[in-house]
Amino acid sequence: METLFTLDKKDYSPDMPIQERHAVRGIIERDGKFIMQQSKEGDFKIPGGGIEPGETHVQALAREVREEVGLLVIPESVRPIGEIVEKRRDIFDPTRTYIAHSYFYACDVGEQSVEPQMTESELRLGYHPVWEDLEQIIETNDRFLNQDWQKRDHLFMRWMRDRREKRIELKAE
């Protein structure tokens, strides 16, 4: 998968042990709006999360989208978009370097939905699924860039807008 961006804080040293995380993110559009998780503060988060041992990217994507927004991914519709890599000092263990690989996929979902099964953290932050216009997502998230994941998701949505303005379509490879 093509690397779209590398976000490197350069706040680590090359001799530090590395902690890596691999995650998937679902880009789902219907009638010009994208499904997102919105917090009680108002920021938008792309549905997705960590790949569990033994899962394929498609299986992880389907599970994460179901858990976070209650939609059922059509597996054969999954199309790779690209990867964003983040490198920084691990916030939980500052003696290690943290490298996060986020794999972004466009996909379609069926008409049926289920009740989301969010984490305690997501519930505490008041996340709920919403369909929103790309410009509104970008404009709103301009005010929420204090977390690394917010910067990553915001950068990705701006990249999506730039691709659309150039009329570049996301096609299956």
C-alpha atoms as a PDB file:
ATOM      1  CA  MET A   1       0.000   0.000   0.000  1.00  0.00           C
ATOM      2  CA  GLU A   2       1.261   3.468  -0.897  1.00  0.00           C
ATOM      3  CA  THR A   3       2.457   5.669   1.987  1.00  0.00           C
ATOM      4  CA  LEU A   4       0.581   8.970   1.778  1.00  0.00           C
ATOM      5  CA  PHE A   5       2.364  10.789   4.619  1.00  0.00           C
ATOM      6  CA  THR A   6       4.802  10.215   7.444  1.00  0.00           C
ATOM      7  CA  LEU A   7       4.185  12.318  10.539  1.00  0.00           C
ATOM      8  CA  ASP A   8       7.479  12.271  12.419  1.00  0.00           C
ATOM      9  CA  LYS A   9       7.872  14.207  15.666  1.00  0.00           C
ATOM     10  CA  LYS A  10      11.591  13.323  15.816  1.00  0.00           C
ATOM     11  CA  ASP A  11      11.360  13.321  19.623  1.00  0.00           C
ATOM     12  CA  TYR A  12      13.052   9.919  20.047  1.00  0.00           C
ATOM     13  CA  SER A  13      16.562   8.581  19.597  1.00  0.00           C
ATOM     14  CA  PRO A  14      17.582   5.919  17.052  1.00  0.00           C
ATOM     15  CA  ASP A  15      18.764   3.512  19.758  1.00  0.00           C
ATOM     16  CA  MET A  16      15.355   3.298  21.492  1.00  0.00           C
ATOM     17  CA  PRO A  17      13.349   0.051  21.180  1.00  0.00           C
ATOM     18  CA  ILE A  18      10.329   0.299  18.877  1.00  0.00           C
ATOM     19  CA  GLN A  19       6.655  -0.317  19.675  1.00  0.00           C
ATOM     20  CA  GLU A  20       4.571  -0.671  16.492  1.00  0.00           C
ATOM     21  CA  ARG A  21       0.804  -0.592  16.023  1.00  0.00           C
ATOM     22  CA  HIS A  22      -1.157  -1.433  12.882  1.00  0.00           C
ATOM     23  CA  ALA A  23      -4.692  -0.094  12.395  1.00  0.00           C
ATOM     24  CA  VAL A  24      -7.317   0.249   9.672  1.00  0.00           C
ATOM     25  CA  ARG A  25      -9.571   3.237   8.948  1.00  0.00           C
ATOM     26  CA  GLY A  26     -12.811   3.114   6.947  1.00  0.00           C
ATOM     27  CA  ILE A  27     -13.784   5.840   4.503  1.00  0.00           C
ATOM     28  CA  ILE A  28     -17.485   5.345   3.845  1.00  0.00           C
ATOM     29  CA  GLU A  29     -19.459   7.825   1.778  1.00  0.00           C
ATOM     30  CA  ARG A  30     -23.164   7.872   1.053  1.00  0.00           C
ATOM     31  CA  ASP A  31     -25.074  10.661  -0.710  1.00  0.00           C
ATOM     32  CA  GLY A  32     -22.113  13.039  -0.425  1.00  0.00           C
ATOM     33  CA  LYS A  33     -21.622  12.523   3.319  1.00  0.00           C
ATOM     34  CA  PHE A  34     -19.103  10.475   5.282  1.00  0.00           C
ATOM     35  CA  ILE A  35     -19.841   8.329   8.319  1.00  0.00           C
ATOM     36  CA  MET A  36     -17.780   9.556  11.258  1.00  0.00           C
ATOM     37  CA  GLN A  37     -17.684   9.284  15.016  1.00  0.00           C
ATOM     38  CA  GLN A  38     -18.414  12.651  16.615  1.00  0.00           C
ATOM     39  CA  SER A  39     -17.527  13.392  20.238  1.00  0.00           C
ATOM     40  CA  LYS A  40     -19.614  15.432  22.668  1.00  0.00           C
ATOM     41  CA  GLU A  41     -17.007  18.198  22.120  1.00  0.00           C
ATOM     42  CA  GLY A  42     -17.855  18.190  18.398  1.00  0.00           C
ATOM     43  CA  ASP A  43     -14.735  16.776  16.741  1.00  0.00           C
ATOM     44  CA  PHE A  44     -14.958  14.067  14.101  1.00  0.00           C
ATOM     45  CA  LYS A  45     -13.019  10.775  14.089  1.00  0.00           C
ATOM     46  CA  ILE A  46     -12.672   8.342  11.190  1.00  0.00           C
ATOM     47  CA  PRO A  47     -14.030   4.914  12.195  1.00  0.00           C
ATOM     48  CA  GLY A  48     -11.332   2.296  12.630  1.00  0.00           C
ATOM     49  CA  GLY A  49      -8.825   0.830  15.033  1.00  0.00           C
ATOM     50  CA  GLY A  50      -6.228  -1.775  15.758  1.00  0.00           C
ATOM     51  CA  ILE A  51      -5.783  -5.002  13.833  1.00  0.00           C
ATOM     52  CA  GLU A  52      -6.071  -7.977  16.187  1.00  0.00           C
ATOM     53  CA  PRO A  53      -3.758 -11.013  15.910  1.00  0.00           C
ATOM     54  CA  GLY A  54      -4.885 -13.319  13.091  1.00  0.00           C
ATOM     55  CA  GLU A  55      -7.135 -10.718  11.435  1.00  0.00           C
ATOM     56  CA  THR A  56      -6.788  -9.602   7.850  1.00  0.00           C
ATOM     57  CA  HIS A  57      -7.128  -5.895   7.108  1.00  0.00           C
ATOM     58  CA  VAL A  58     -10.610  -6.486   5.665  1.00  0.00           C
ATOM     59  CA  GLN A  59     -11.724  -8.456   8.743  1.00  0.00           C
ATOM     60  CA  ALA A  60     -10.378  -5.762  11.087  1.00  0.00           C
ATOM     61  CA  LEU A  61     -12.027  -3.022   9.034  1.00  0.00           C
ATOM     62  CA  ALA A  62     -15.404  -4.790   9.099  1.00  0.00           C
ATOM     63  CA  ARG A  63     -15.154  -5.363  12.872  1.00  0.00           C
ATOM     64  CA  GLU A  64     -14.058  -1.800  13.677  1.00  0.00           C
ATOM     65  CA  VAL A  65     -16.722  -0.161  11.488  1.00  0.00           C
ATOM     66  CA  ARG A  66     -19.398  -2.409  13.039  1.00  0.00           C
ATOM     67  CA  GLU A  67     -18.212  -1.649  16.582  1.00  0.00           C
ATOM     68  CA  GLU A  68     -17.781   2.106  16.143  1.00  0.00           C
ATOM     69  CA  VAL A  69     -20.639   3.144  13.855  1.00  0.00           C
ATOM     70  CA  GLY A  70     -22.868   0.054  13.617  1.00  0.00           C
ATOM     71  CA  LEU A  71     -22.543  -0.397   9.846  1.00  0.00           C
ATOM     72  CA  LEU A  72     -21.767  -3.645   8.035  1.00  0.00           C
ATOM     73  CA  VAL A  73     -18.920  -3.439   5.516  1.00  0.00           C
ATOM     74  CA  ILE A  74     -19.382  -5.289   2.218  1.00  0.00           C
ATOM     75  CA  PRO A  75     -16.000  -7.116   2.119  1.00  0.00           C
ATOM     76  CA  GLU A  76     -15.699  -7.236  -1.677  1.00  0.00           C
ATOM     77  CA  SER A  77     -16.143  -3.437  -1.834  1.00  0.00           C
ATOM     78  CA  VAL A  78     -12.978  -2.669   0.180  1.00  0.00           C
ATOM     79  CA  ARG A  79     -10.503  -0.566  -1.827  1.00  0.00           C
ATOM     80  CA  PRO A  80      -7.072   0.480  -0.533  1.00  0.00           C
ATOM     81  CA  ILE A  81      -6.381   4.219  -0.400  1.00  0.00           C
ATOM     82  CA  GLY A  82      -3.049   4.528   1.385  1.00  0.00           C
ATOM     83  CA  GLU A  83      -1.119   4.477   4.645  1.00  0.00           C
ATOM     84  CA  ILE A  84      -0.163   7.202   7.095  1.00  0.00           C
ATOM     85  CA  VAL A  85       2.824   6.438   9.317  1.00  0.00           C
ATOM     86  CA  GLU A  86       3.311   8.222  12.642  1.00  0.00           C
ATOM     87  CA  LYS A  87       6.633   8.172  14.525  1.00  0.00           C
ATOM     88  CA  ARG A  88       7.150   9.630  17.987  1.00  0.00           C
ATOM     89  CA  ARG A  89       8.227   8.854  21.504  1.00  0.00           C
ATOM     90  CA  ASP A  90       5.759   6.415  23.094  1.00  0.00           C
ATOM     91  CA  ILE A  91       3.484   8.358  25.485  1.00  0.00           C
ATOM     92  CA  PHE A  92       3.055   5.288  27.714  1.00  0.00           C
ATOM     93  CA  ASP A  93       6.743   4.326  27.789  1.00  0.00           C
ATOM     94  CA  PRO A  94       9.017   7.299  26.970  1.00  0.00           C
ATOM     95  CA  THR A  95      12.014   4.971  26.646  1.00  0.00           C
ATOM     96  CA  ARG A  96      10.539   3.563  23.401  1.00  0.00           C
ATOM     97  CA  THR A  97       9.787   4.821  19.919  1.00  0.00           C
ATOM     98  CA  TYR A  98       6.160   4.424  18.828  1.00  0.00           C
ATOM     99  CA  ILE A  99       5.418   3.785  15.156  1.00  0.00           C
ATOM    100  CA  ALA A 100       1.755   3.700  14.125  1.00  0.00           C
ATOM    101  CA  HIS A 101       0.668   2.434  10.716  1.00  0.00           C
ATOM    102  CA  SER A 102      -2.854   3.539   9.741  1.00  0.00           C
ATOM    103  CA  TYR A 103      -4.177   1.853   6.602  1.00  0.00           C
ATOM    104  CA  PHE A 104      -7.038   3.758   4.977  1.00  0.00           C
ATOM    105  CA  TYR A 105      -9.651   1.934   2.900  1.00  0.00           C
ATOM    106  CA  ALA A 106     -12.689   3.131   0.974  1.00  0.00           C
ATOM    107  CA  CYS A 107     -15.581   0.714   1.340  1.00  0.00           C
ATOM    108  CA  ASP A 108     -19.311   0.332   0.964  1.00  0.00           C
ATOM    109  CA  VAL A 109     -21.766  -0.746   3.628  1.00  0.00           C
ATOM    110  CA  GLY A 110     -25.114  -2.486   3.458  1.00  0.00           C
ATOM    111  CA  GLU A 111     -28.440  -0.899   4.334  1.00  0.00           C
ATOM    112  CA  GLN A 112     -28.698  -2.858   7.593  1.00  0.00           C
ATOM    113  CA  SER A 113     -27.167  -1.438  10.757  1.00  0.00           C
ATOM    114  CA  VAL A 114     -26.525  -2.758  14.265  1.00  0.00           C
ATOM    115  CA  GLU A 115     -26.007  -1.131  17.632  1.00  0.00           C
ATOM    116  CA  PRO A 116     -22.417   0.221  17.906  1.00  0.00           C
ATOM    117  CA  GLN A 117     -20.232  -1.381  20.604  1.00  0.00           C
ATOM    118  CA  MET A 118     -17.846   1.397  21.554  1.00  0.00           C
ATOM    119  CA  THR A 119     -15.010   1.232  24.042  1.00  0.00           C
ATOM    120  CA  GLU A 120     -15.285   2.776  27.511  1.00  0.00           C
ATOM    121  CA  SER A 121     -13.045   5.595  26.309  1.00  0.00           C
ATOM    122  CA  GLU A 122     -15.271   6.310  23.292  1.00  0.00           C
ATOM    123  CA  LEU A 123     -18.384   6.269  25.488  1.00  0.00           C
ATOM    124  CA  ARG A 124     -16.765   8.592  28.031  1.00  0.00           C
ATOM    125  CA  LEU A 125     -15.922  11.048  25.242  1.00  0.00           C
ATOM    126  CA  GLY A 126     -19.517  10.869  23.992  1.00  0.00           C
ATOM    127  CA  TYR A 127     -18.752   9.482  20.539  1.00  0.00           C
ATOM    128  CA  HIS A 128     -21.721   8.697  18.326  1.00  0.00           C
ATOM    129  CA  PRO A 129     -22.040   7.946  14.595  1.00  0.00           C
ATOM    130  CA  VAL A 130     -23.005  10.790  12.256  1.00  0.00           C
ATOM    131  CA  TRP A 131     -23.077  11.353   8.512  1.00  0.00           C
ATOM    132  CA  GLU A 132     -21.372  14.634   7.653  1.00  0.00           C
ATOM    133  CA  ASP A 133     -20.237  16.679   4.671  1.00  0.00           C
ATOM    134  CA  LEU A 134     -16.471  16.665   3.963  1.00  0.00           C
ATOM    135  CA  GLU A 135     -16.131  20.457   4.222  1.00  0.00           C
ATOM    136  CA  GLN A 136     -17.950  20.515   7.572  1.00  0.00           C
ATOM    137  CA  ILE A 137     -15.670  17.759   8.913  1.00  0.00           C
ATOM    138  CA  ILE A 138     -12.558  19.688   7.880  1.00  0.00           C
ATOM    139  CA  GLU A 139     -13.853  23.049   9.112  1.00  0.00           C
ATOM    140  CA  THR A 140     -14.911  21.626  12.482  1.00  0.00           C
ATOM    141  CA  ASN A 141     -11.717  19.639  13.020  1.00  0.00           C
ATOM    142  CA  ASP A 142      -9.571  22.719  12.289  1.00  0.00           C
ATOM    143  CA  ARG A 143     -10.332  23.579  15.945  1.00  0.00           C
ATOM    144  CA  PHE A 144      -9.339  20.133  17.312  1.00  0.00           C
ATOM    145  CA  LEU A 145      -5.705  19.425  16.555  1.00  0.00           C
ATOM    146  CA  ASN A 146      -4.240  18.842  20.016  1.00  0.00           C
ATOM    147  CA  GLN A 147      -4.096  15.019  19.758  1.00  0.00           C
ATOM    148  CA  ASP A 148      -1.850  13.168  17.310  1.00  0.00           C
ATOM    149  CA  TRP A 149      -4.770  11.102  15.955  1.00  0.00           C
ATOM    150  CA  GLN A 150      -6.761  14.296  15.341  1.00  0.00           C
ATOM    151  CA  LYS A 151      -3.907  15.692  13.263  1.00  0.00           C
ATOM    152  CA  ARG A 152      -3.648  12.424  11.313  1.00  0.00           C
ATOM    153  CA  ASP A 153      -7.391  12.224  10.554  1.00  0.00           C
ATOM    154  CA  HIS A 154      -7.559  15.936   9.707  1.00  0.00           C
ATOM    155  CA  LEU A 155      -4.604  15.689   7.344  1.00  0.00           C
ATOM    156  CA  PHE A 156      -6.215  12.687   5.653  1.00  0.00           C
ATOM    157  CA  MET A 157      -9.581  14.436   5.165  1.00  0.00           C
ATOM    158  CA  ARG A 158      -7.835  17.492   3.694  1.00  0.00           C
ATOM    159  CA  TRP A 159      -5.950  15.139   1.354  1.00  0.00           C
ATOM    160  CA  MET A 160      -9.315  13.613   0.333  1.00  0.00           C
ATOM    161  CA  ARG A 161     -10.692  17.074  -0.444  1.00  0.00           C
ATOM    162  CA  ASP A 162      -7.625  17.903  -2.543  1.00  0.00           C
ATOM    163  CA  ARG A 163      -8.062  14.672  -4.531  1.00  0.00           C
ATOM    164  CA  ARG A 164     -11.722  15.482  -5.158  1.00  0.00           C
ATOM    165  CA  GLU A 165     -10.925  18.970  -6.324  1.00  0.00           C
ATOM    166  CA  LYS A 166      -8.579  17.410  -8.870  1.00  0.00           C
ATOM    167  CA  ARG A 167     -11.319  14.888  -9.732  1.00  0.00           C
ATOM    168  CA  ILE A 168      -9.163  11.886  -8.815  1.00  0.00           C
ATOM    169  CA  GLU A 169     -11.361   8.890  -8.015  1.00  0.00           C
ATOM    170  CA  LEU A 170     -10.538   6.112  -5.570  1.00  0.00           C
ATOM    171  CA  LYS A 171     -10.545   2.946  -7.660  1.00  0.00           C
ATOM    172  CA  ALA A 172      -9.975  -0.652  -6.755  1.00  0.00           C
ATOM    173  CA  GLU A 173      -6.409  -1.789  -7.477  1.00  0.00           C
END
